[in-house]
PDB file of N, CA and C in Angstrom:
ATOM      1  N   MET A   1     -87.090 137.173 -50.348  1.00  0.00           N
ATOM      2  CA  MET A   1     -86.665 137.678 -49.238  1.00  0.00           C
ATOM      3  C   MET A   1     -85.932 137.127 -48.031  1.00  0.00           C
ATOM      4  N   GLY A   2     -84.183 137.448 -48.116  1.00  0.00           N
ATOM      5  CA  GLY A   2     -83.532 136.940 -47.837  1.00  0.00           C
ATOM      6  C   GLY A   2     -83.383 136.510 -45.726  1.00  0.00           C
ATOM      7  N   THR A   3     -82.597 135.967 -44.915  1.00  0.00           N
ATOM      8  CA  THR A   3     -82.906 135.332 -44.348  1.00  0.00           C
ATOM      9  C   THR A   3     -82.799 137.127 -43.194  1.00  0.00           C
ATOM     10  N   PRO A   4     -80.941 137.794 -43.798  1.00  0.00           N
ATOM     11  CA  PRO A   4     -81.378 138.808 -43.188  1.00  0.00           C
ATOM     12  C   PRO A   4     -82.487 140.038 -43.002  1.00  0.00           C
ATOM     13  N   ALA A   5     -83.086 140.303 -44.565  1.00  0.00           N
ATOM     14  CA  ALA A   5     -84.202 141.059 -43.925  1.00  0.00           C
ATOM     15  C   ALA A   5     -85.263 140.540 -43.738  1.00  0.00           C
ATOM     16  N   ILE A   6     -85.652 138.874 -43.236  1.00  0.00           N
ATOM     17  CA  ILE A   6     -86.594 138.792 -42.962  1.00  0.00           C
ATOM     18  C   ILE A   6     -86.201 139.305 -41.608  1.00  0.00           C
ATOM     19  N   GLY A   7     -85.298 139.336 -40.935  1.00  0.00           N
ATOM     20  CA  GLY A   7     -84.665 139.443 -39.590  1.00  0.00           C
ATOM     21  C   GLY A   7     -85.431 141.064 -39.409  1.00  0.00           C
ATOM     22  N   ARG A   8     -84.799 142.153 -40.068  1.00  0.00           N
ATOM     23  CA  ARG A   8     -84.838 143.340 -40.139  1.00  0.00           C
ATOM     24  C   ARG A   8     -86.018 143.936 -40.148  1.00  0.00           C
ATOM     25  N   GLU A   9     -86.876 142.747 -40.587  1.00  0.00           N
ATOM     26  CA  GLU A   9     -88.189 143.217 -40.781  1.00  0.00           C
ATOM     27  C   GLU A   9     -89.463 142.835 -39.880  1.00  0.00           C
ATOM     28  N   LEU A  10     -88.519 141.980 -38.864  1.00  0.00           N
ATOM     29  CA  LEU A  10     -89.587 141.506 -37.354  1.00  0.00           C
ATOM     30  C   LEU A  10     -88.895 142.121 -36.413  1.00  0.00           C
ATOM     31  N   GLY A  11     -87.546 142.644 -36.435  1.00  0.00           N
ATOM     32  CA  GLY A  11     -87.285 143.588 -35.641  1.00  0.00           C
ATOM     33  C   GLY A  11     -88.192 145.347 -36.031  1.00  0.00           C
ATOM     34  N   LYS A  12     -88.411 145.336 -36.812  1.00  0.00           N
ATOM     35  CA  LYS A  12     -89.109 146.733 -37.014  1.00  0.00           C
ATOM     36  C   LYS A  12     -90.520 146.625 -36.710  1.00  0.00           C
ATOM     37  N   GLN A  13     -90.829 145.257 -36.828  1.00  0.00           N
ATOM     38  CA  GLN A  13     -92.540 145.194 -36.262  1.00  0.00           C
ATOM     39  C   GLN A  13     -92.405 145.315 -34.753  1.00  0.00           C
ATOM     40  N   SER A  14     -91.279 144.694 -34.176  1.00  0.00           N
ATOM     41  CA  SER A  14     -91.258 144.325 -33.079  1.00  0.00           C
ATOM     42  C   SER A  14     -91.032 145.621 -32.025  1.00  0.00           C
ATOM     43  N   LEU A  15     -90.504 146.185 -33.114  1.00  0.00           N
ATOM     44  CA  LEU A  15     -90.421 148.092 -32.839  1.00  0.00           C
ATOM     45  C   LEU A  15     -92.085 149.019 -32.414  1.00  0.00           C
ATOM     46  N   VAL A  16     -92.603 148.319 -33.686  1.00  0.00           N
ATOM     47  CA  VAL A  16     -93.560 149.161 -33.501  1.00  0.00           C
ATOM     48  C   VAL A  16     -94.255 148.812 -32.737  1.00  0.00           C
ATOM     49  N   ARG A  17     -94.457 147.246 -32.482  1.00  0.00           N
ATOM     50  CA  ARG A  17     -95.251 147.159 -30.846  1.00  0.00           C
ATOM     51  C   ARG A  17     -95.141 147.147 -30.209  1.00  0.00           C
ATOM     52  N   ARG A  18     -93.837 147.277 -29.574  1.00  0.00           N
ATOM     53  CA  ARG A  18     -93.450 147.979 -28.364  1.00  0.00           C
ATOM     54  C   ARG A  18     -93.977 149.315 -28.055  1.00  0.00           C
ATOM     55  N   ARG A  19     -93.742 150.133 -28.732  1.00  0.00           N
ATOM     56  CA  ARG A  19     -94.380 151.933 -28.977  1.00  0.00           C
ATOM     57  C   ARG A  19     -95.915 151.699 -29.026  1.00  0.00           C
ATOM     58  N   TRP A  20     -96.583 150.811 -29.711  1.00  0.00           N
ATOM     59  CA  TRP A  20     -98.004 150.729 -29.845  1.00  0.00           C
ATOM     60  C   TRP A  20     -98.389 150.308 -28.134  1.00  0.00           C
ATOM     61  N   GLU A  21     -97.719 149.286 -27.240  1.00  0.00           N
ATOM     62  CA  GLU A  21     -98.100 148.855 -26.128  1.00  0.00           C
ATOM     63  C   GLU A  21     -97.633 149.728 -25.244  1.00  0.00           C
ATOM     64  N   LYS A  22     -96.788 150.906 -25.353  1.00  0.00           N
ATOM     65  CA  LYS A  22     -96.490 151.540 -24.508  1.00  0.00           C
ATOM     66  C   LYS A  22     -97.919 152.731 -24.461  1.00  0.00           C
ATOM     67  N   LEU A  23     -97.903 153.271 -25.498  1.00  0.00           N
ATOM     68  CA  LEU A  23     -99.437 154.017 -25.839  1.00  0.00           C
ATOM     69  C   LEU A  23    -100.514 153.129 -24.970  1.00  0.00           C
ATOM     70  N   MET A  24    -100.559 151.925 -25.661  1.00  0.00           N
ATOM     71  CA  MET A  24    -101.965 151.472 -24.689  1.00  0.00           C
ATOM     72  C   MET A  24    -101.907 151.145 -23.794  1.00  0.00           C
ATOM     73  N   ASP A  25    -100.816 150.538 -22.861  1.00  0.00           N
ATOM     74  CA  ASP A  25    -100.580 150.722 -21.589  1.00  0.00           C
ATOM     75  C   ASP A  25    -100.659 152.209 -20.721  1.00  0.00           C
ATOM     76  N   ALA A  26    -100.420 153.218 -21.576  1.00  0.00           N
ATOM     77  CA  ALA A  26    -100.942 154.620 -20.991  1.00  0.00           C
ATOM     78  C   ALA A  26    -102.259 155.056 -21.026  1.00  0.00           C
ATOM     79  N   SER A  27    -102.761 154.724 -22.264  1.00  0.00           N
ATOM     80  CA  SER A  27    -104.295 154.751 -21.788  1.00  0.00           C
ATOM     81  C   SER A  27    -104.772 154.090 -21.130  1.00  0.00           C
ATOM     82  N   THR A  28    -104.866 152.654 -21.189  1.00  0.00           N
ATOM     83  CA  THR A  28    -105.382 151.716 -20.190  1.00  0.00           C
ATOM     84  C   THR A  28    -105.228 152.377 -18.455  1.00  0.00           C
ATOM     85  N   GLU A  29    -104.315 152.719 -18.539  1.00  0.00           N
ATOM     86  CA  GLU A  29    -103.733 153.447 -16.792  1.00  0.00           C
ATOM     87  C   GLU A  29    -104.750 154.044 -16.864  1.00  0.00           C
ATOM     88  N   ASN A  30    -104.689 155.012 -17.631  1.00  0.00           N
ATOM     89  CA  ASN A  30    -105.815 156.365 -17.397  1.00  0.00           C
ATOM     90  C   ASN A  30    -106.953 155.843 -17.253  1.00  0.00           C
ATOM     91  N   ILE A  31    -107.793 154.954 -17.701  1.00  0.00           N
ATOM     92  CA  ILE A  31    -108.561 154.497 -17.964  1.00  0.00           C
ATOM     93  C   ILE A  31    -109.131 153.717 -16.180  1.00  0.00           C
ATOM     94  N   LEU A  32    -108.170 153.068 -16.342  1.00  0.00           N
ATOM     95  CA  LEU A  32    -108.389 152.137 -14.736  1.00  0.00           C
ATOM     96  C   LEU A  32    -108.497 153.009 -13.765  1.00  0.00           C
ATOM     97  N   GLU A  33    -107.451 153.948 -13.697  1.00  0.00           N
ATOM     98  CA  GLU A  33    -107.563 154.979 -12.650  1.00  0.00           C
ATOM     99  C   GLU A  33    -109.678 155.491 -12.365  1.00  0.00           C
ATOM    100  N   PHE A  34    -109.447 156.225 -13.847  1.00  0.00           N
ATOM    101  CA  PHE A  34    -110.827 156.608 -13.868  1.00  0.00           C
ATOM    102  C   PHE A  34    -111.499 155.932 -13.134  1.00  0.00           C
ATOM    103  N   LEU A  35    -111.765 154.570 -13.769  1.00  0.00           N
ATOM    104  CA  LEU A  35    -113.032 153.372 -12.728  1.00  0.00           C
ATOM    105  C   LEU A  35    -112.472 153.399 -11.398  1.00  0.00           C
ATOM    106  N   GLU A  36    -111.341 153.009 -11.219  1.00  0.00           N
ATOM    107  CA  GLU A  36    -110.969 153.047  -9.710  1.00  0.00           C
ATOM    108  C   GLU A  36    -111.799 154.301  -8.821  1.00  0.00           C
ATOM    109  N   GLN A  37    -111.361 155.382  -9.249  1.00  0.00           N
ATOM    110  CA  GLN A  37    -112.315 156.375  -8.592  1.00  0.00           C
ATOM    111  C   GLN A  37    -113.506 156.604  -8.440  1.00  0.00           C
ATOM    112  N   ASN A  38    -114.132 155.830  -9.407  1.00  0.00           N
ATOM    113  CA  ASN A  38    -115.196 155.716  -9.427  1.00  0.00           C
ATOM    114  C   ASN A  38    -116.055 154.689  -8.636  1.00  0.00           C
ATOM    115  N   GLU A  39    -115.460 153.979  -8.392  1.00  0.00           N
ATOM    116  CA  GLU A  39    -115.336 152.425  -7.345  1.00  0.00           C
ATOM    117  C   GLU A  39    -115.576 153.175  -6.277  1.00  0.00           C
ATOM    118  N   LYS A  40    -114.249 153.890  -5.824  1.00  0.00           N
ATOM    119  CA  LYS A  40    -114.471 154.289  -4.341  1.00  0.00           C
ATOM    120  C   LYS A  40    -115.515 155.648  -4.174  1.00  0.00           C
ATOM    121  N   TRP A  41    -116.064 156.221  -5.055  1.00  0.00           N
ATOM    122  CA  TRP A  41    -117.326 157.430  -4.802  1.00  0.00           C
ATOM    123  C   TRP A  41    -118.457 155.891  -4.900  1.00  0.00           C
ATOM    124  N   TRP A  42    -118.526 155.549  -5.632  1.00  0.00           N
ATOM    125  CA  TRP A  42    -119.720 154.603  -5.813  1.00  0.00           C
ATOM    126  C   TRP A  42    -119.895 153.890  -3.820  1.00  0.00           C
ATOM    127  N   GLU A  43    -118.835 153.541  -3.740  1.00  0.00           N
ATOM    128  CA  GLU A  43    -118.814 153.006  -2.566  1.00  0.00           C
ATOM    129  C   GLU A  43    -119.312 153.752  -1.220  1.00  0.00           C
ATOM    130  N   GLN A  44    -118.170 154.902  -1.444  1.00  0.00           N
ATOM    131  CA  GLN A  44    -118.299 156.032  -0.162  1.00  0.00           C
ATOM    132  C   GLN A  44    -120.124 156.580  -0.637  1.00  0.00           C
ATOM    133  N   ALA A  45    -120.806 156.512  -1.400  1.00  0.00           N
ATOM    134  CA  ALA A  45    -122.184 157.220  -1.216  1.00  0.00           C
ATOM    135  C   ALA A  45    -123.049 156.098  -0.725  1.00  0.00           C
ATOM    136  N   ALA A  46    -122.533 154.373  -1.174  1.00  0.00           N
ATOM    137  CA  ALA A  46    -123.091 153.720  -0.471  1.00  0.00           C
ATOM    138  C   ALA A  46    -123.112 153.498   0.986  1.00  0.00           C
ATOM    139  N   VAL A  47    -122.045 153.873   1.797  1.00  0.00           N
ATOM    140  CA  VAL A  47    -121.750 154.038   3.079  1.00  0.00           C
ATOM    141  C   VAL A  47    -122.423 155.224   4.156  1.00  0.00           C
ATOM    142  N   THR A  48    -121.983 155.945   2.658  1.00  0.00           N
ATOM    143  CA  THR A  48    -123.213 157.505   3.434  1.00  0.00           C
ATOM    144  C   THR A  48    -125.177 156.857   3.147  1.00  0.00           C
ATOM    145  N   CYS A  49    -125.116 156.579   2.666  1.00  0.00           N
ATOM    146  CA  CYS A  49    -126.747 156.163   2.841  1.00  0.00           C
ATOM    147  C   CYS A  49    -126.946 155.370   3.629  1.00  0.00           C
ATOM    148  N   GLU A  50    -126.056 154.238   3.977  1.00  0.00           N
ATOM    149  CA  GLU A  50    -125.911 153.470   4.832  1.00  0.00           C
ATOM    150  C   GLU A  50    -126.255 154.096   6.404  1.00  0.00           C
ATOM    151  N   ARG A  51    -125.656 154.917   6.082  1.00  0.00           N
ATOM    152  CA  ARG A  51    -125.252 155.786   7.907  1.00  0.00           C
ATOM    153  C   ARG A  51    -126.640 156.619   7.806  1.00  0.00           C
ATOM    154  N   THR A  52    -126.878 157.131   6.947  1.00  0.00           N
ATOM    155  CA  THR A  52    -128.175 158.401   7.531  1.00  0.00           C
ATOM    156  C   THR A  52    -129.186 157.166   7.362  1.00  0.00           C
ATOM    157  N   ALA A  53    -129.681 156.098   6.718  1.00  0.00           N
ATOM    158  CA  ALA A  53    -130.582 155.528   7.072  1.00  0.00           C
ATOM    159  C   ALA A  53    -130.779 154.779   8.563  1.00  0.00           C
ATOM    160  N   ALA A  54    -129.857 154.676   9.092  1.00  0.00           N
ATOM    161  CA  ALA A  54    -129.856 154.506  10.746  1.00  0.00           C
ATOM    162  C   ALA A  54    -130.430 155.275  11.137  1.00  0.00           C
ATOM    163  N   ASP A  55    -130.803 156.776  10.847  1.00  0.00           N
ATOM    164  CA  ASP A  55    -131.116 157.727  11.870  1.00  0.00           C
ATOM    165  C   ASP A  55    -132.385 158.011  11.065  1.00  0.00           C
ATOM    166  N   LEU A  56    -133.137 156.935  10.435  1.00  0.00           N
ATOM    167  CA  LEU A  56    -134.378 157.705   9.815  1.00  0.00           C
ATOM    168  C   LEU A  56    -135.436 156.688  10.360  1.00  0.00           C
ATOM    169  N   ALA A  57    -136.556 156.957  10.429  1.00  0.00           N
ATOM    170  CA  ALA A  57    -137.941 156.188  10.473  1.00  0.00           C
ATOM    171  C   ALA A  57    -138.399 155.088   9.683  1.00  0.00           C
ATOM    172  N   HIS A  58    -139.309 154.246   9.994  1.00  0.00           N
ATOM    173  CA  HIS A  58    -139.786 153.199   9.015  1.00  0.00           C
ATOM    174  C   HIS A  58    -140.051 154.019   8.087  1.00  0.00           C
ATOM    175  N   GLY A  59    -139.739 153.169   6.569  1.00  0.00           N
ATOM    176  CA  GLY A  59    -140.064 153.867   5.888  1.00  0.00           C
ATOM    177  C   GLY A  59    -139.499 154.544   5.002  1.00  0.00           C
ATOM    178  N   GLU A  60    -138.955 155.717   5.521  1.00  0.00           N
ATOM    179  CA  GLU A  60    -137.680 156.175   4.875  1.00  0.00           C
ATOM    180  C   GLU A  60    -136.427 155.394   4.815  1.00  0.00           C
ATOM    181  N   LYS A  61    -136.463 154.898   6.050  1.00  0.00           N
ATOM    182  CA  LYS A  61    -135.031 154.177   5.950  1.00  0.00           C
ATOM    183  C   LYS A  61    -134.628 152.883   5.027  1.00  0.00           C
ATOM    184  N   GLU A  62    -135.912 152.458   4.506  1.00  0.00           N
ATOM    185  CA  GLU A  62    -135.712 151.410   3.598  1.00  0.00           C
ATOM    186  C   GLU A  62    -135.585 152.086   2.645  1.00  0.00           C
ATOM    187  N   VAL A  63    -135.684 153.083   2.005  1.00  0.00           N
ATOM    188  CA  VAL A  63    -135.488 153.657   0.907  1.00  0.00           C
ATOM    189  C   VAL A  63    -133.699 153.719   0.602  1.00  0.00           C
ATOM    190  N   TRP A  64    -133.496 154.783   1.730  1.00  0.00           N
ATOM    191  CA  TRP A  64    -131.893 155.070   2.081  1.00  0.00           C
ATOM    192  C   TRP A  64    -131.138 153.219   1.812  1.00  0.00           C
ATOM    193  N   GLN A  65    -132.118 152.353   2.362  1.00  0.00           N
ATOM    194  CA  GLN A  65    -130.292 151.025   2.445  1.00  0.00           C
ATOM    195  C   GLN A  65    -130.629 150.687   0.870  1.00  0.00           C
ATOM    196  N   LEU A  66    -132.156 150.888  -0.101  1.00  0.00           N
ATOM    197  CA  LEU A  66    -132.033 150.172  -1.155  1.00  0.00           C
ATOM    198  C   LEU A  66    -130.917 150.935  -1.772  1.00  0.00           C
ATOM    199  N   MET A  67    -130.767 152.598  -1.619  1.00  0.00           N
ATOM    200  CA  MET A  67    -130.214 153.550  -2.147  1.00  0.00           C
ATOM    201  C   MET A  67    -128.217 152.991  -2.169  1.00  0.00           C
ATOM    202  N   GLY A  68    -128.229 152.659  -0.970  1.00  0.00           N
ATOM    203  CA  GLY A  68    -126.911 151.767  -0.592  1.00  0.00           C
ATOM    204  C   GLY A  68    -126.841 150.739  -1.074  1.00  0.00           C
ATOM    205  N   ALA A  69    -127.525 149.767  -1.379  1.00  0.00           N
ATOM    206  CA  ALA A  69    -127.320 148.847  -1.708  1.00  0.00           C
ATOM    207  C   ALA A  69    -127.294 149.001  -3.339  1.00  0.00           C
ATOM    208  N   VAL A  70    -127.924 149.549  -3.834  1.00  0.00           N
ATOM    209  CA  VAL A  70    -127.601 149.959  -5.267  1.00  0.00           C
ATOM    210  C   VAL A  70    -126.430 150.431  -5.253  1.00  0.00           C
ATOM    211  N   TYR A  71    -125.811 151.469  -4.765  1.00  0.00           N
ATOM    212  CA  TYR A  71    -124.624 152.065  -5.057  1.00  0.00           C
ATOM    213  C   TYR A  71    -123.345 151.130  -4.780  1.00  0.00           C
ATOM    214  N   ARG A  72    -123.334 149.933  -3.994  1.00  0.00           N
ATOM    215  CA  ARG A  72    -122.871 148.884  -3.287  1.00  0.00           C
ATOM    216  C   ARG A  72    -122.404 148.043  -4.626  1.00  0.00           C
ATOM    217  N   GLU A  73    -123.770 147.594  -4.943  1.00  0.00           N
ATOM    218  CA  GLU A  73    -123.448 147.022  -6.501  1.00  0.00           C
ATOM    219  C   GLU A  73    -122.592 147.582  -7.084  1.00  0.00           C
ATOM    220  N   ARG A  74    -122.840 148.990  -7.511  1.00  0.00           N
ATOM    221  CA  ARG A  74    -121.908 149.906  -8.551  1.00  0.00           C
ATOM    222  C   ARG A  74    -120.673 149.366  -8.505  1.00  0.00           C
ATOM    223  N   ALA A  75    -120.191 149.754  -6.907  1.00  0.00           N
ATOM    224  CA  ALA A  75    -119.005 149.720  -6.909  1.00  0.00           C
ATOM    225  C   ALA A  75    -118.434 148.017  -7.313  1.00  0.00           C
ATOM    226  N   GLU A  76    -119.208 147.589  -6.868  1.00  0.00           N
ATOM    227  CA  GLU A  76    -118.935 145.875  -6.986  1.00  0.00           C
ATOM    228  C   GLU A  76    -118.540 145.650  -8.501  1.00  0.00           C
ATOM    229  N   LYS A  77    -119.341 146.032  -9.413  1.00  0.00           N
ATOM    230  CA  LYS A  77    -119.383 146.043 -10.639  1.00  0.00           C
ATOM    231  C   LYS A  77    -118.108 146.751 -11.254  1.00  0.00           C
ATOM    232  N   HIS A  78    -117.738 148.141 -10.906  1.00  0.00           N
ATOM    233  CA  HIS A  78    -115.973 148.380 -11.433  1.00  0.00           C
ATOM    234  C   HIS A  78    -115.581 147.808 -11.005  1.00  0.00           C
ATOM    235  N   ALA A  79    -115.189 147.272  -9.381  1.00  0.00           N
ATOM    236  CA  ALA A  79    -114.209 146.035  -9.116  1.00  0.00           C
ATOM    237  C   ALA A  79    -114.321 145.283 -10.052  1.00  0.00           C
ATOM    238  N   GLN A  80    -115.070 144.426 -10.646  1.00  0.00           N
ATOM    239  CA  GLN A  80    -115.170 143.479 -11.599  1.00  0.00           C
ATOM    240  C   GLN A  80    -114.726 143.729 -13.202  1.00  0.00           C
ATOM    241  N   ILE A  81    -114.843 144.904 -13.190  1.00  0.00           N
ATOM    242  CA  ILE A  81    -114.227 145.331 -14.654  1.00  0.00           C
ATOM    243  C   ILE A  81    -113.264 145.887 -14.251  1.00  0.00           C
ATOM    244  N   ILE A  82    -112.877 146.321 -13.059  1.00  0.00           N
ATOM    245  CA  ILE A  82    -110.798 146.307 -13.393  1.00  0.00           C
ATOM    246  C   ILE A  82    -110.238 145.344 -13.368  1.00  0.00           C
ATOM    247  N   GLU A  83    -110.503 144.229 -12.340  1.00  0.00           N
ATOM    248  CA  GLU A  83    -109.292 143.134 -12.576  1.00  0.00           C
ATOM    249  C   GLU A  83    -110.218 142.323 -13.714  1.00  0.00           C
ATOM    250  N   ARG A  84    -110.889 142.724 -14.716  1.00  0.00           N
ATOM    251  CA  ARG A  84    -111.144 141.616 -15.384  1.00  0.00           C
ATOM    252  C   ARG A  84    -110.062 142.503 -16.863  1.00  0.00           C
ATOM    253  N   LEU A  85    -110.034 144.031 -16.940  1.00  0.00           N
ATOM    254  CA  LEU A  85    -108.976 144.511 -17.389  1.00  0.00           C
ATOM    255  C   LEU A  85    -107.774 144.471 -17.493  1.00  0.00           C
ATOM    256  N   ARG A  86    -107.269 144.410 -16.081  1.00  0.00           N
ATOM    257  CA  ARG A  86    -105.926 144.228 -15.214  1.00  0.00           C
ATOM    258  C   ARG A  86    -105.610 142.922 -16.315  1.00  0.00           C
ATOM    259  N   GLN A  87    -106.289 141.787 -16.092  1.00  0.00           N
ATOM    260  CA  GLN A  87    -106.101 140.404 -16.209  1.00  0.00           C
ATOM    261  C   GLN A  87    -105.897 140.017 -17.635  1.00  0.00           C
ATOM    262  N   ASP A  88    -106.579 140.830 -18.873  1.00  0.00           N
ATOM    263  CA  ASP A  88    -106.480 140.859 -20.097  1.00  0.00           C
ATOM    264  C   ASP A  88    -105.389 141.882 -20.379  1.00  0.00           C
ATOM    265  N   GLY A  89    -105.168 142.514 -19.832  1.00  0.00           N
ATOM    266  CA  GLY A  89    -103.812 143.296 -20.375  1.00  0.00           C
ATOM    267  C   GLY A  89    -102.168 142.365 -19.696  1.00  0.00           C
ATOM    268  N   ASP A  90    -102.489 141.974 -18.744  1.00  0.00           N
ATOM    269  CA  ASP A  90    -101.552 141.295 -18.437  1.00  0.00           C
ATOM    270  C   ASP A  90    -101.379 139.889 -19.313  1.00  0.00           C
ATOM    271  N   ARG A  91    -102.732 139.727 -19.620  1.00  0.00           N
ATOM    272  CA  ARG A  91    -102.419 138.472 -20.976  1.00  0.00           C
ATOM    273  C   ARG A  91    -102.082 138.576 -21.982  1.00  0.00           C
ATOM    274  N   ALA A  92    -102.696 139.621 -22.811  1.00  0.00           N
ATOM    275  CA  ALA A  92    -101.757 140.540 -23.837  1.00  0.00           C
ATOM    276  C   ALA A  92    -100.281 140.566 -23.640  1.00  0.00           C
ATOM    277  N   ARG A  93     -99.560 141.434 -22.627  1.00  0.00           N
ATOM    278  CA  ARG A  93     -98.630 141.429 -22.550  1.00  0.00           C
ATOM    279  C   ARG A  93     -97.788 140.350 -22.501  1.00  0.00           C
ATOM    280  N   SER A  94     -97.981 139.018 -22.229  1.00  0.00           N
ATOM    281  CA  SER A  94     -97.665 137.861 -21.781  1.00  0.00           C
ATOM    282  C   SER A  94     -97.329 136.973 -23.305  1.00  0.00           C
ATOM    283  N   GLN A  95     -98.152 137.480 -24.153  1.00  0.00           N
ATOM    284  CA  GLN A  95     -98.214 136.994 -25.396  1.00  0.00           C
ATOM    285  C   GLN A  95     -97.313 137.536 -26.378  1.00  0.00           C
ATOM    286  N   ASP A  96     -96.313 136.598 -27.072  1.00  0.00           N
ATOM    287  CA  ASP A  96     -95.302 137.117 -28.495  1.00  0.00           C
ATOM    288  C   ASP A  96     -96.243 137.521 -29.555  1.00  0.00           C
ATOM    289  N   PRO A  97     -95.502 138.425 -30.388  1.00  0.00           N
ATOM    290  CA  PRO A  97     -96.663 138.501 -31.694  1.00  0.00           C
ATOM    291  C   PRO A  97     -96.686 137.798 -32.853  1.00  0.00           C
ATOM    292  N   ARG A  98     -95.384 136.773 -32.299  1.00  0.00           N
ATOM    293  CA  ARG A  98     -95.580 135.722 -33.528  1.00  0.00           C
ATOM    294  C   ARG A  98     -96.956 134.352 -33.052  1.00  0.00           C
ATOM    295  N   GLY A  99     -97.692 134.824 -32.152  1.00  0.00           N
ATOM    296  CA  GLY A  99     -98.760 133.887 -32.021  1.00  0.00           C
ATOM    297  C   GLY A  99     -98.324 132.979 -30.728  1.00  0.00           C
ATOM    298  N   LEU A 100     -97.214 133.390 -29.948  1.00  0.00           N
ATOM    299  CA  LEU A 100     -96.565 132.334 -29.316  1.00  0.00           C
ATOM    300  C   LEU A 100     -96.967 133.074 -27.952  1.00  0.00           C
ATOM    301  N   GLU A 101     -97.112 132.001 -26.556  1.00  0.00           N
ATOM    302  CA  GLU A 101     -97.070 132.379 -25.439  1.00  0.00           C
ATOM    303  C   GLU A 101     -95.565 133.003 -24.908  1.00  0.00           C
ATOM    304  N   SER A 102     -95.498 133.225 -23.824  1.00  0.00           N
ATOM    305  CA  SER A 102     -93.873 133.800 -23.607  1.00  0.00           C
ATOM    306  C   SER A 102     -93.473 132.842 -23.643  1.00  0.00           C
ATOM    307  N   ASP A 103     -93.816 131.196 -22.864  1.00  0.00           N
ATOM    308  CA  ASP A 103     -93.118 130.480 -22.519  1.00  0.00           C
ATOM    309  C   ASP A 103     -92.663 129.552 -24.214  1.00  0.00           C
ATOM    310  N   GLY A 104     -93.184 129.878 -25.133  1.00  0.00           N
ATOM    311  CA  GLY A 104     -92.902 129.048 -26.958  1.00  0.00           C
ATOM    312  C   GLY A 104     -93.784 128.423 -26.682  1.00  0.00           C
ATOM    313  N   ALA A 105     -95.060 128.586 -26.114  1.00  0.00           N
ATOM    314  CA  ALA A 105     -96.183 127.434 -26.542  1.00  0.00           C
ATOM    315  C   ALA A 105     -97.165 128.161 -27.722  1.00  0.00           C
ATOM    316  N   ARG A 106     -97.332 127.669 -28.447  1.00  0.00           N
ATOM    317  CA  ARG A 106     -98.373 128.165 -29.601  1.00  0.00           C
ATOM    318  C   ARG A 106    -100.049 128.319 -29.007  1.00  0.00           C
ATOM    319  N   ARG A 107    -100.322 129.425 -29.503  1.00  0.00           N
ATOM    320  CA  ARG A 107    -101.571 129.865 -29.085  1.00  0.00           C
ATOM    321  C   ARG A 107    -102.707 129.227 -29.628  1.00  0.00           C
TER     322      ARG A 107
END
């Protein structure tokens, strides 16, 4: 395969990769949006439990406080997953398909 043919092949691969990345970005954004909505829901559930607990008698109060703590933990887990997915996505976009980082350093 001559040099022009290699260049054309790399150009085709680059085009296919860009199309694939666009599809993956759209899919990932939908997943992130879903996770962000869940994170907000869990956080709101925690706040609701905490507010409810404030007006309850001893014994019942602790149950609601515990539920609030569990819901808050769930919200935090969602936030961690979202952050990790965003970092992974940013890292993947900064890499060249030939195995090079965007700054030219070999992976």
